[in-house]
Amino acid sequence: MDISKVLTTNVGGIKTACLNRKELAQVIGEYCATNKEREPFTPILIFSNNGHAISIANRSEESMNLLKAADLIHADGQSVVTFSGWTQGPSIKERSATTDMIHDLPNFYNSELKHFLLGGKEEIVNNAAAIMQERYTNFKVAGTYHGYFSGEDEQRICALINESGADVLWVGLGKPKEQEFCIRNRKNLKVSVIITCGGCYNYITGDYSRAPRWVQEIGLEWLHRMSTNPTKLLYRYLTTNPHAIYCVLKHRFSKERG
């Protein structure tokens, strides 16, 4: 599937792909396969949309422009799937959480891909890489690097990534740092796909626990996360979730009036 032809819908002012998990994995894999034949490399940026992203993006033009730099934005939150049903455009059928996507890629795209994992604590990212490579024969770890670096280190880190021969770069630095890193270094990276992934590595290692599947399916994983990490997430969810709903409705009715 040509990435430029992926159907999108506007959720909270953010153009979000109407892809299920399998389709998203196949789009990524197929792009990696075709991009290897191009010279020079043209990396695509894949960012995520959830309630937090909607709230942040609608607070400032700068934040919205960060998301607009992406070639594809996927529905990381179940709320985005629900919100898409409130719009006049096509609806999103399935959530494609980043924490699932890193597993979906080797599950739904059979060919071998090489991955570079950037971000998080050194022990966490190294453990996550080892777990993924052991679990999936077609998930090859090209390299890892922790997320505690300065701007002065970026040129050296990009060189490491390029030397690794990675197809996919996962960037887990947290919003908005990870988006800024991707945009700033896009032209310096010889990978096919760059994906922001937040705290994904912590879920792979079990450092963070995911909600039971039935909780995920009814769209309340955010509540599970908040209850297990209230210090970090309580204020964020209680402020951004209501604001995200407001933003979705605002864009919905402003489009009607337009």
C-alpha atoms as a PDB file:
ATOM      1  CA  MET A   1       0.000   0.000   0.000  1.00  0.00           C
ATOM      2  CA  ASP A   2       1.344   3.436  -0.996  1.00  0.00           C
ATOM      3  CA  ILE A   3       1.622   5.516   2.167  1.00  0.00           C
ATOM      4  CA  SER A   4       0.395   8.619   0.323  1.00  0.00           C
ATOM      5  CA  LYS A   5      -2.848   6.781  -0.478  1.00  0.00           C
ATOM      6  CA  VAL A   6      -3.671   5.769   3.099  1.00  0.00           C
ATOM      7  CA  LEU A   7      -7.180   6.918   4.035  1.00  0.00           C
ATOM      8  CA  THR A   8      -7.198   9.446   6.893  1.00  0.00           C
ATOM      9  CA  THR A   9      -9.762  11.157   9.080  1.00  0.00           C
ATOM     10  CA  ASN A  10      -9.554  14.364  11.099  1.00  0.00           C
ATOM     11  CA  VAL A  11      -9.639  13.671  14.835  1.00  0.00           C
ATOM     12  CA  GLY A  12      -9.201  16.762  16.976  1.00  0.00           C
ATOM     13  CA  GLY A  13      -7.503  18.614  14.136  1.00  0.00           C
ATOM     14  CA  ILE A  14      -5.033  15.770  13.508  1.00  0.00           C
ATOM     15  CA  LYS A  15      -5.149  13.739  10.281  1.00  0.00           C
ATOM     16  CA  THR A  16      -5.119  10.155  11.527  1.00  0.00           C
ATOM     17  CA  ALA A  17      -4.739   6.990   9.448  1.00  0.00           C
ATOM     18  CA  CYS A  18      -7.751   4.680   9.119  1.00  0.00           C
ATOM     19  CA  LEU A  19      -5.667   1.517   9.360  1.00  0.00           C
ATOM     20  CA  ASN A  20      -6.044  -1.542  11.530  1.00  0.00           C
ATOM     21  CA  ARG A  21      -3.039  -3.111  13.237  1.00  0.00           C
ATOM     22  CA  LYS A  22      -2.250  -5.580  10.463  1.00  0.00           C
ATOM     23  CA  GLU A  23      -2.556  -2.960   7.728  1.00  0.00           C
ATOM     24  CA  LEU A  24      -0.276  -0.553   9.584  1.00  0.00           C
ATOM     25  CA  ALA A  25       2.402  -3.215  10.050  1.00  0.00           C
ATOM     26  CA  GLN A  26       2.235  -4.124   6.373  1.00  0.00           C
ATOM     27  CA  VAL A  27       2.492  -0.487   5.273  1.00  0.00           C
ATOM     28  CA  ILE A  28       5.648  -0.100   7.367  1.00  0.00           C
ATOM     29  CA  GLY A  29       7.187  -3.352   6.149  1.00  0.00           C
ATOM     30  CA  GLU A  30       6.410  -2.710   2.497  1.00  0.00           C
ATOM     31  CA  TYR A  31       7.852   0.790   2.676  1.00  0.00           C
ATOM     32  CA  CYS A  32      11.077  -0.600   4.143  1.00  0.00           C
ATOM     33  CA  ALA A  33      11.288  -3.107   1.290  1.00  0.00           C
ATOM     34  CA  THR A  34      10.798  -0.515  -1.462  1.00  0.00           C
ATOM     35  CA  ASN A  35      12.882   2.221   0.163  1.00  0.00           C
ATOM     36  CA  LYS A  36      15.991   0.012   0.128  1.00  0.00           C
ATOM     37  CA  GLU A  37      16.030   0.479  -3.635  1.00  0.00           C
ATOM     38  CA  ARG A  38      15.967   4.283  -3.437  1.00  0.00           C
ATOM     39  CA  GLU A  39      18.989   6.555  -3.390  1.00  0.00           C
ATOM     40  CA  PRO A  40      19.173   8.659  -1.334  1.00  0.00           C
ATOM     41  CA  PHE A  41      17.084   7.148   1.464  1.00  0.00           C
ATOM     42  CA  THR A  42      13.850   8.982   2.209  1.00  0.00           C
ATOM     43  CA  PRO A  43      12.744   8.151   5.772  1.00  0.00           C
ATOM     44  CA  ILE A  44       9.084   8.480   6.655  1.00  0.00           C
ATOM     45  CA  LEU A  45       7.997   9.748  10.059  1.00  0.00           C
ATOM     46  CA  ILE A  46       5.250   7.925  11.963  1.00  0.00           C
ATOM     47  CA  PHE A  47       3.800   9.726  14.985  1.00  0.00           C
ATOM     48  CA  SER A  48       0.896   8.787  17.262  1.00  0.00           C
ATOM     49  CA  ASN A  49      -2.453  10.337  18.131  1.00  0.00           C
ATOM     50  CA  ASN A  50      -4.167   9.951  21.501  1.00  0.00           C
ATOM     51  CA  GLY A  51      -6.025  12.170  23.940  1.00  0.00           C
ATOM     52  CA  HIS A  52      -2.789  13.648  25.253  1.00  0.00           C
ATOM     53  CA  ALA A  53      -1.568  14.456  21.733  1.00  0.00           C
ATOM     54  CA  ILE A  54      -4.882  16.112  20.797  1.00  0.00           C
ATOM     55  CA  SER A  55      -4.771  18.292  23.900  1.00  0.00           C
ATOM     56  CA  ILE A  56      -1.137  19.341  23.408  1.00  0.00           C
ATOM     57  CA  ALA A  57      -1.530  19.995  19.672  1.00  0.00           C
ATOM     58  CA  ASN A  58      -4.532  22.260  20.217  1.00  0.00           C
ATOM     59  CA  ARG A  59      -2.767  24.377  22.821  1.00  0.00           C
ATOM     60  CA  SER A  60      -0.183  25.842  20.456  1.00  0.00           C
ATOM     61  CA  GLU A  61       0.508  26.160  16.747  1.00  0.00           C
ATOM     62  CA  GLU A  62       4.061  24.946  17.354  1.00  0.00           C
ATOM     63  CA  SER A  63       2.813  21.662  18.846  1.00  0.00           C
ATOM     64  CA  MET A  64       0.328  21.144  16.007  1.00  0.00           C
ATOM     65  CA  ASN A  65       3.069  21.763  13.440  1.00  0.00           C
ATOM     66  CA  LEU A  66       5.202  19.038  15.025  1.00  0.00           C
ATOM     67  CA  LEU A  67       2.468  16.502  14.282  1.00  0.00           C
ATOM     68  CA  LYS A  68       1.877  17.872  10.796  1.00  0.00           C
ATOM     69  CA  ALA A  69       5.494  17.021   9.940  1.00  0.00           C
ATOM     70  CA  ALA A  70       4.632  13.308  10.134  1.00  0.00           C
ATOM     71  CA  ASP A  71       3.950  11.273   7.011  1.00  0.00           C
ATOM     72  CA  LEU A  72       1.519   9.064   8.924  1.00  0.00           C
ATOM     73  CA  ILE A  73      -0.213   9.399  12.290  1.00  0.00           C
ATOM     74  CA  HIS A  74      -1.789   6.308  13.831  1.00  0.00           C
ATOM     75  CA  ALA A  75      -4.500   5.903  16.476  1.00  0.00           C
ATOM     76  CA  ASP A  76      -2.436   5.128  19.561  1.00  0.00           C
ATOM     77  CA  GLY A  77      -5.372   5.679  21.930  1.00  0.00           C
ATOM     78  CA  GLN A  78      -8.763   3.964  22.011  1.00  0.00           C
ATOM     79  CA  SER A  79     -10.249   7.414  22.567  1.00  0.00           C
ATOM     80  CA  VAL A  80      -9.134   8.372  19.044  1.00  0.00           C
ATOM     81  CA  VAL A  81     -11.040   5.385  17.629  1.00  0.00           C
ATOM     82  CA  THR A  82     -14.128   6.503  19.570  1.00  0.00           C
ATOM     83  CA  PHE A  83     -13.696  10.161  18.602  1.00  0.00           C
ATOM     84  CA  SER A  84     -13.407   9.224  14.912  1.00  0.00           C
ATOM     85  CA  GLY A  85     -17.013   8.062  15.094  1.00  0.00           C
ATOM     86  CA  TRP A  86     -18.035  11.584  16.081  1.00  0.00           C
ATOM     87  CA  THR A  87     -16.600  13.133  12.916  1.00  0.00           C
ATOM     88  CA  GLN A  88     -18.130  13.512   9.477  1.00  0.00           C
ATOM     89  CA  GLY A  89     -15.270  11.603   7.884  1.00  0.00           C
ATOM     90  CA  PRO A  90     -14.425   7.896   7.818  1.00  0.00           C
ATOM     91  CA  SER A  91     -14.069   6.133  11.149  1.00  0.00           C
ATOM     92  CA  ILE A  92     -11.069   4.235  12.489  1.00  0.00           C
ATOM     93  CA  LYS A  93     -11.907   0.575  13.063  1.00  0.00           C
ATOM     94  CA  GLU A  94      -9.124  -0.429  15.433  1.00  0.00           C
ATOM     95  CA  ARG A  95      -6.648   1.077  17.841  1.00  0.00           C
ATOM     96  CA  SER A  96      -2.993   0.619  16.881  1.00  0.00           C
ATOM     97  CA  ALA A  97      -1.171   1.272  20.152  1.00  0.00           C
ATOM     98  CA  THR A  98       2.575   1.758  19.831  1.00  0.00           C
ATOM     99  CA  THR A  99       3.052  -0.863  22.540  1.00  0.00           C
ATOM    100  CA  ASP A 100       1.301  -3.330  20.208  1.00  0.00           C
ATOM    101  CA  MET A 101       2.836  -2.032  16.987  1.00  0.00           C
ATOM    102  CA  ILE A 102       6.380  -3.061  17.868  1.00  0.00           C
ATOM    103  CA  HIS A 103       5.036  -6.642  18.176  1.00  0.00           C
ATOM    104  CA  ASP A 104       2.652  -6.330  15.227  1.00  0.00           C
ATOM    105  CA  LEU A 105       5.468  -5.597  12.816  1.00  0.00           C
ATOM    106  CA  PRO A 106       7.219  -8.986  13.198  1.00  0.00           C
ATOM    107  CA  ASN A 107       3.850 -10.747  13.591  1.00  0.00           C
ATOM    108  CA  PHE A 108       2.162  -9.352  10.481  1.00  0.00           C
ATOM    109  CA  TYR A 109       5.166  -8.670   8.221  1.00  0.00           C
ATOM    110  CA  ASN A 110       7.101 -11.881   7.762  1.00  0.00           C
ATOM    111  CA  SER A 111      10.292 -10.597   6.176  1.00  0.00           C
ATOM    112  CA  GLU A 112      13.240  -9.778   8.398  1.00  0.00           C
ATOM    113  CA  LEU A 113      13.729  -6.144   9.386  1.00  0.00           C
ATOM    114  CA  LYS A 114      16.539  -4.546  11.344  1.00  0.00           C
ATOM    115  CA  HIS A 115      15.575  -2.241  14.213  1.00  0.00           C
ATOM    116  CA  PHE A 116      17.432   0.405  16.208  1.00  0.00           C
ATOM    117  CA  LEU A 117      15.924   1.245  19.618  1.00  0.00           C
ATOM    118  CA  LEU A 118      16.651   4.770  20.884  1.00  0.00           C
ATOM    119  CA  GLY A 119      15.542   6.198  24.222  1.00  0.00           C
ATOM    120  CA  GLY A 120      14.820   5.254  27.816  1.00  0.00           C
ATOM    121  CA  LYS A 121      17.287   4.090  30.428  1.00  0.00           C
ATOM    122  CA  GLU A 122      20.238   2.103  29.109  1.00  0.00           C
ATOM    123  CA  GLU A 123      19.324  -1.060  31.020  1.00  0.00           C
ATOM    124  CA  ILE A 124      15.681  -0.863  29.933  1.00  0.00           C
ATOM    125  CA  VAL A 125      16.339  -0.317  26.220  1.00  0.00           C
ATOM    126  CA  ASN A 126      18.977  -3.064  26.143  1.00  0.00           C
ATOM    127  CA  ASN A 127      16.655  -5.520  27.901  1.00  0.00           C
ATOM    128  CA  ALA A 128      13.781  -4.614  25.585  1.00  0.00           C
ATOM    129  CA  ALA A 129      15.988  -5.219  22.552  1.00  0.00           C
ATOM    130  CA  ALA A 130      17.093  -8.611  23.875  1.00  0.00           C
ATOM    131  CA  ILE A 131      13.495  -9.665  24.584  1.00  0.00           C
ATOM    132  CA  MET A 132      12.282  -8.670  21.117  1.00  0.00           C
ATOM    133  CA  GLN A 133      15.128 -10.407  19.325  1.00  0.00           C
ATOM    134  CA  GLU A 134      14.637 -13.583  21.343  1.00  0.00           C
ATOM    135  CA  ARG A 135      10.876 -13.595  20.810  1.00  0.00           C
ATOM    136  CA  TYR A 136      10.824 -12.935  17.059  1.00  0.00           C
ATOM    137  CA  THR A 137      13.215 -14.510  14.571  1.00  0.00           C
ATOM    138  CA  ASN A 138      12.512 -11.749  12.021  1.00  0.00           C
ATOM    139  CA  PHE A 139      13.120  -8.884  14.497  1.00  0.00           C
ATOM    140  CA  LYS A 140      16.848  -8.166  14.264  1.00  0.00           C
ATOM    141  CA  VAL A 141      18.300  -5.586  16.628  1.00  0.00           C
ATOM    142  CA  ALA A 142      20.781  -3.395  14.766  1.00  0.00           C
ATOM    143  CA  GLY A 143      21.608  -1.354  17.858  1.00  0.00           C
ATOM    144  CA  THR A 144      20.397   0.537  20.919  1.00  0.00           C
ATOM    145  CA  TYR A 145      21.149   3.847  22.605  1.00  0.00           C
ATOM    146  CA  HIS A 146      19.715   5.337  25.791  1.00  0.00           C
ATOM    147  CA  GLY A 147      17.709   8.550  25.881  1.00  0.00           C
ATOM    148  CA  TYR A 148      19.971  10.589  28.147  1.00  0.00           C
ATOM    149  CA  PHE A 149      21.923  12.669  25.668  1.00  0.00           C
ATOM    150  CA  SER A 150      22.299  16.320  24.698  1.00  0.00           C
ATOM    151  CA  GLY A 151      21.985  18.077  21.372  1.00  0.00           C
ATOM    152  CA  GLU A 152      25.746  17.929  20.998  1.00  0.00           C
ATOM    153  CA  ASP A 153      25.544  14.120  20.893  1.00  0.00           C
ATOM    154  CA  GLU A 154      22.967  13.889  18.113  1.00  0.00           C
ATOM    155  CA  GLN A 155      25.378  13.889  15.181  1.00  0.00           C
ATOM    156  CA  ARG A 156      27.319  11.003  16.709  1.00  0.00           C
ATOM    157  CA  ILE A 157      24.112   9.084  17.509  1.00  0.00           C
ATOM    158  CA  CYS A 158      22.835   9.527  13.951  1.00  0.00           C
ATOM    159  CA  ALA A 159      26.147   8.157  12.679  1.00  0.00           C
ATOM    160  CA  LEU A 160      25.751   5.095  14.932  1.00  0.00           C
ATOM    161  CA  ILE A 161      22.238   4.515  13.631  1.00  0.00           C
ATOM    162  CA  ASN A 162      23.358   4.844  10.013  1.00  0.00           C
ATOM    163  CA  GLU A 163      26.311   2.500  10.517  1.00  0.00           C
ATOM    164  CA  SER A 164      23.975  -0.107  12.035  1.00  0.00           C
ATOM    165  CA  GLY A 165      22.078  -0.560   8.769  1.00  0.00           C
ATOM    166  CA  ALA A 166      18.718  -0.374  10.560  1.00  0.00           C
ATOM    167  CA  ASP A 167      15.484  -0.355   8.569  1.00  0.00           C
ATOM    168  CA  VAL A 168      13.333   0.987  11.411  1.00  0.00           C
ATOM    169  CA  LEU A 169      14.286   3.491  14.108  1.00  0.00           C
ATOM    170  CA  TRP A 170      12.153   3.538  17.261  1.00  0.00           C
ATOM    171  CA  VAL A 171      12.432   6.815  19.198  1.00  0.00           C
ATOM    172  CA  GLY A 172      11.250   6.711  22.816  1.00  0.00           C
ATOM    173  CA  LEU A 173      12.060  10.116  24.279  1.00  0.00           C
ATOM    174  CA  GLY A 174       8.575  11.306  25.281  1.00  0.00           C
ATOM    175  CA  LYS A 175       6.511  14.129  23.771  1.00  0.00           C
ATOM    176  CA  PRO A 176       7.525  16.566  22.375  1.00  0.00           C
ATOM    177  CA  LYS A 177      11.231  15.682  22.555  1.00  0.00           C
ATOM    178  CA  GLU A 178      10.889  12.590  20.379  1.00  0.00           C
ATOM    179  CA  GLN A 179       9.010  14.434  17.623  1.00  0.00           C
ATOM    180  CA  GLU A 180      11.549  17.255  17.690  1.00  0.00           C
ATOM    181  CA  PHE A 181      14.438  14.784  17.431  1.00  0.00           C
ATOM    182  CA  CYS A 182      12.836  13.010  14.461  1.00  0.00           C
ATOM    183  CA  ILE A 183      12.116  16.203  12.542  1.00  0.00           C
ATOM    184  CA  ARG A 184      15.517  17.718  13.278  1.00  0.00           C
ATOM    185  CA  ASN A 185      17.461  14.632  12.202  1.00  0.00           C
ATOM    186  CA  ARG A 186      15.288  13.205   9.458  1.00  0.00           C
ATOM    187  CA  LYS A 187      17.649  14.250   6.665  1.00  0.00           C
ATOM    188  CA  ASN A 188      20.650  12.897   8.564  1.00  0.00           C
ATOM    189  CA  LEU A 189      19.277   9.375   9.008  1.00  0.00           C
ATOM    190  CA  LYS A 190      19.616   6.521   6.506  1.00  0.00           C
ATOM    191  CA  VAL A 191      16.727   4.443   7.788  1.00  0.00           C
ATOM    192  CA  SER A 192      13.439   3.766   6.021  1.00  0.00           C
ATOM    193  CA  VAL A 193      10.975   4.398   8.850  1.00  0.00           C
ATOM    194  CA  ILE A 194      11.200   6.458  12.041  1.00  0.00           C
ATOM    195  CA  ILE A 195       8.543   5.744  14.683  1.00  0.00           C
ATOM    196  CA  THR A 196       7.995   7.596  17.964  1.00  0.00           C
ATOM    197  CA  CYS A 197       7.199   5.184  20.774  1.00  0.00           C
ATOM    198  CA  GLY A 198       7.163   6.967  24.166  1.00  0.00           C
ATOM    199  CA  GLY A 199       7.598   4.516  27.050  1.00  0.00           C
ATOM    200  CA  CYS A 200       7.210   1.422  24.851  1.00  0.00           C
ATOM    201  CA  TYR A 201      10.428  -0.225  26.049  1.00  0.00           C
ATOM    202  CA  ASN A 202       9.238  -0.218  29.662  1.00  0.00           C
ATOM    203  CA  TYR A 203       6.174  -2.242  28.658  1.00  0.00           C
ATOM    204  CA  ILE A 204       8.288  -4.777  26.770  1.00  0.00           C
ATOM    205  CA  THR A 205      10.462  -5.380  29.839  1.00  0.00           C
ATOM    206  CA  GLY A 206       7.487  -5.443  32.218  1.00  0.00           C
ATOM    207  CA  ASP A 207       8.725  -2.379  34.080  1.00  0.00           C
ATOM    208  CA  TYR A 208       5.304  -0.892  33.284  1.00  0.00           C
ATOM    209  CA  SER A 209       2.265  -3.173  33.268  1.00  0.00           C
ATOM    210  CA  ARG A 210      -0.410  -3.099  30.590  1.00  0.00           C
ATOM    211  CA  ALA A 211      -4.090  -3.277  31.408  1.00  0.00           C
ATOM    212  CA  PRO A 212      -5.950  -6.580  30.937  1.00  0.00           C
ATOM    213  CA  ARG A 213      -7.092  -7.052  27.341  1.00  0.00           C
ATOM    214  CA  TRP A 214     -10.765  -6.475  28.182  1.00  0.00           C
ATOM    215  CA  VAL A 215      -9.874  -3.136  29.804  1.00  0.00           C
ATOM    216  CA  GLN A 216      -7.959  -2.140  26.662  1.00  0.00           C
ATOM    217  CA  GLU A 217     -10.897  -3.103  24.459  1.00  0.00           C
ATOM    218  CA  ILE A 218     -13.377  -0.869  26.302  1.00  0.00           C
ATOM    219  CA  GLY A 219     -10.990   2.069  26.065  1.00  0.00           C
ATOM    220  CA  LEU A 220      -9.971   2.333  29.719  1.00  0.00           C
ATOM    221  CA  GLU A 221      -6.287   1.470  29.549  1.00  0.00           C
ATOM    222  CA  TRP A 222      -5.553   5.098  30.429  1.00  0.00           C
ATOM    223  CA  LEU A 223      -7.387   4.539  33.742  1.00  0.00           C
ATOM    224  CA  HIS A 224      -5.255   1.480  34.482  1.00  0.00           C
ATOM    225  CA  ARG A 225      -2.094   3.432  33.697  1.00  0.00           C
ATOM    226  CA  MET A 226      -3.195   6.310  35.889  1.00  0.00           C
ATOM    227  CA  SER A 227      -3.973   4.009  38.821  1.00  0.00           C
ATOM    228  CA  THR A 228      -0.609   2.242  38.575  1.00  0.00           C
ATOM    229  CA  ASN A 229       1.406   5.450  38.131  1.00  0.00           C
ATOM    230  CA  PRO A 230      -0.656   8.260  39.712  1.00  0.00           C
ATOM    231  CA  THR A 231       2.294  10.526  40.506  1.00  0.00           C
ATOM    232  CA  LYS A 232       3.170  10.848  36.837  1.00  0.00           C
ATOM    233  CA  LEU A 233      -0.200  10.456  35.138  1.00  0.00           C
ATOM    234  CA  LEU A 234      -3.055  11.569  37.425  1.00  0.00           C
ATOM    235  CA  TYR A 235      -2.781  15.289  36.685  1.00  0.00           C
ATOM    236  CA  ARG A 236      -2.070  14.691  32.995  1.00  0.00           C
ATOM    237  CA  TYR A 237      -5.129  12.543  32.339  1.00  0.00           C
ATOM    238  CA  LEU A 238      -7.511  14.610  34.453  1.00  0.00           C
ATOM    239  CA  THR A 239      -6.572  17.739  32.516  1.00  0.00           C
ATOM    240  CA  THR A 240      -5.894  16.495  28.989  1.00  0.00           C
ATOM    241  CA  ASN A 241      -8.789  14.041  28.571  1.00  0.00           C
ATOM    242  CA  PRO A 242     -11.591  16.611  29.046  1.00  0.00           C
ATOM    243  CA  HIS A 243      -9.675  19.102  26.907  1.00  0.00           C
ATOM    244  CA  ALA A 244      -9.254  16.502  24.149  1.00  0.00           C
ATOM    245  CA  ILE A 245     -13.023  15.888  24.083  1.00  0.00           C
ATOM    246  CA  TYR A 246     -13.607  19.638  23.816  1.00  0.00           C
ATOM    247  CA  CYS A 247     -11.102  19.892  20.939  1.00  0.00           C
ATOM    248  CA  VAL A 248     -12.693  17.019  19.012  1.00  0.00           C
ATOM    249  CA  LEU A 249     -16.144  18.592  19.321  1.00  0.00           C
ATOM    250  CA  LYS A 250     -14.791  22.030  18.436  1.00  0.00           C
ATOM    251  CA  HIS A 251     -13.260  20.747  15.196  1.00  0.00           C
ATOM    252  CA  ARG A 252     -16.373  18.709  14.444  1.00  0.00           C
ATOM    253  CA  PHE A 253     -18.787  21.631  14.697  1.00  0.00           C
ATOM    254  CA  SER A 254     -16.463  24.251  13.196  1.00  0.00           C
ATOM    255  CA  LYS A 255     -16.250  22.025  10.106  1.00  0.00           C
ATOM    256  CA  GLU A 256     -20.047  21.840   9.996  1.00  0.00           C
ATOM    257  CA  ARG A 257     -20.338  25.635  10.135  1.00  0.00           C
ATOM    258  CA  GLY A 258     -17.603  25.989   7.507  1.00  0.00           C
END
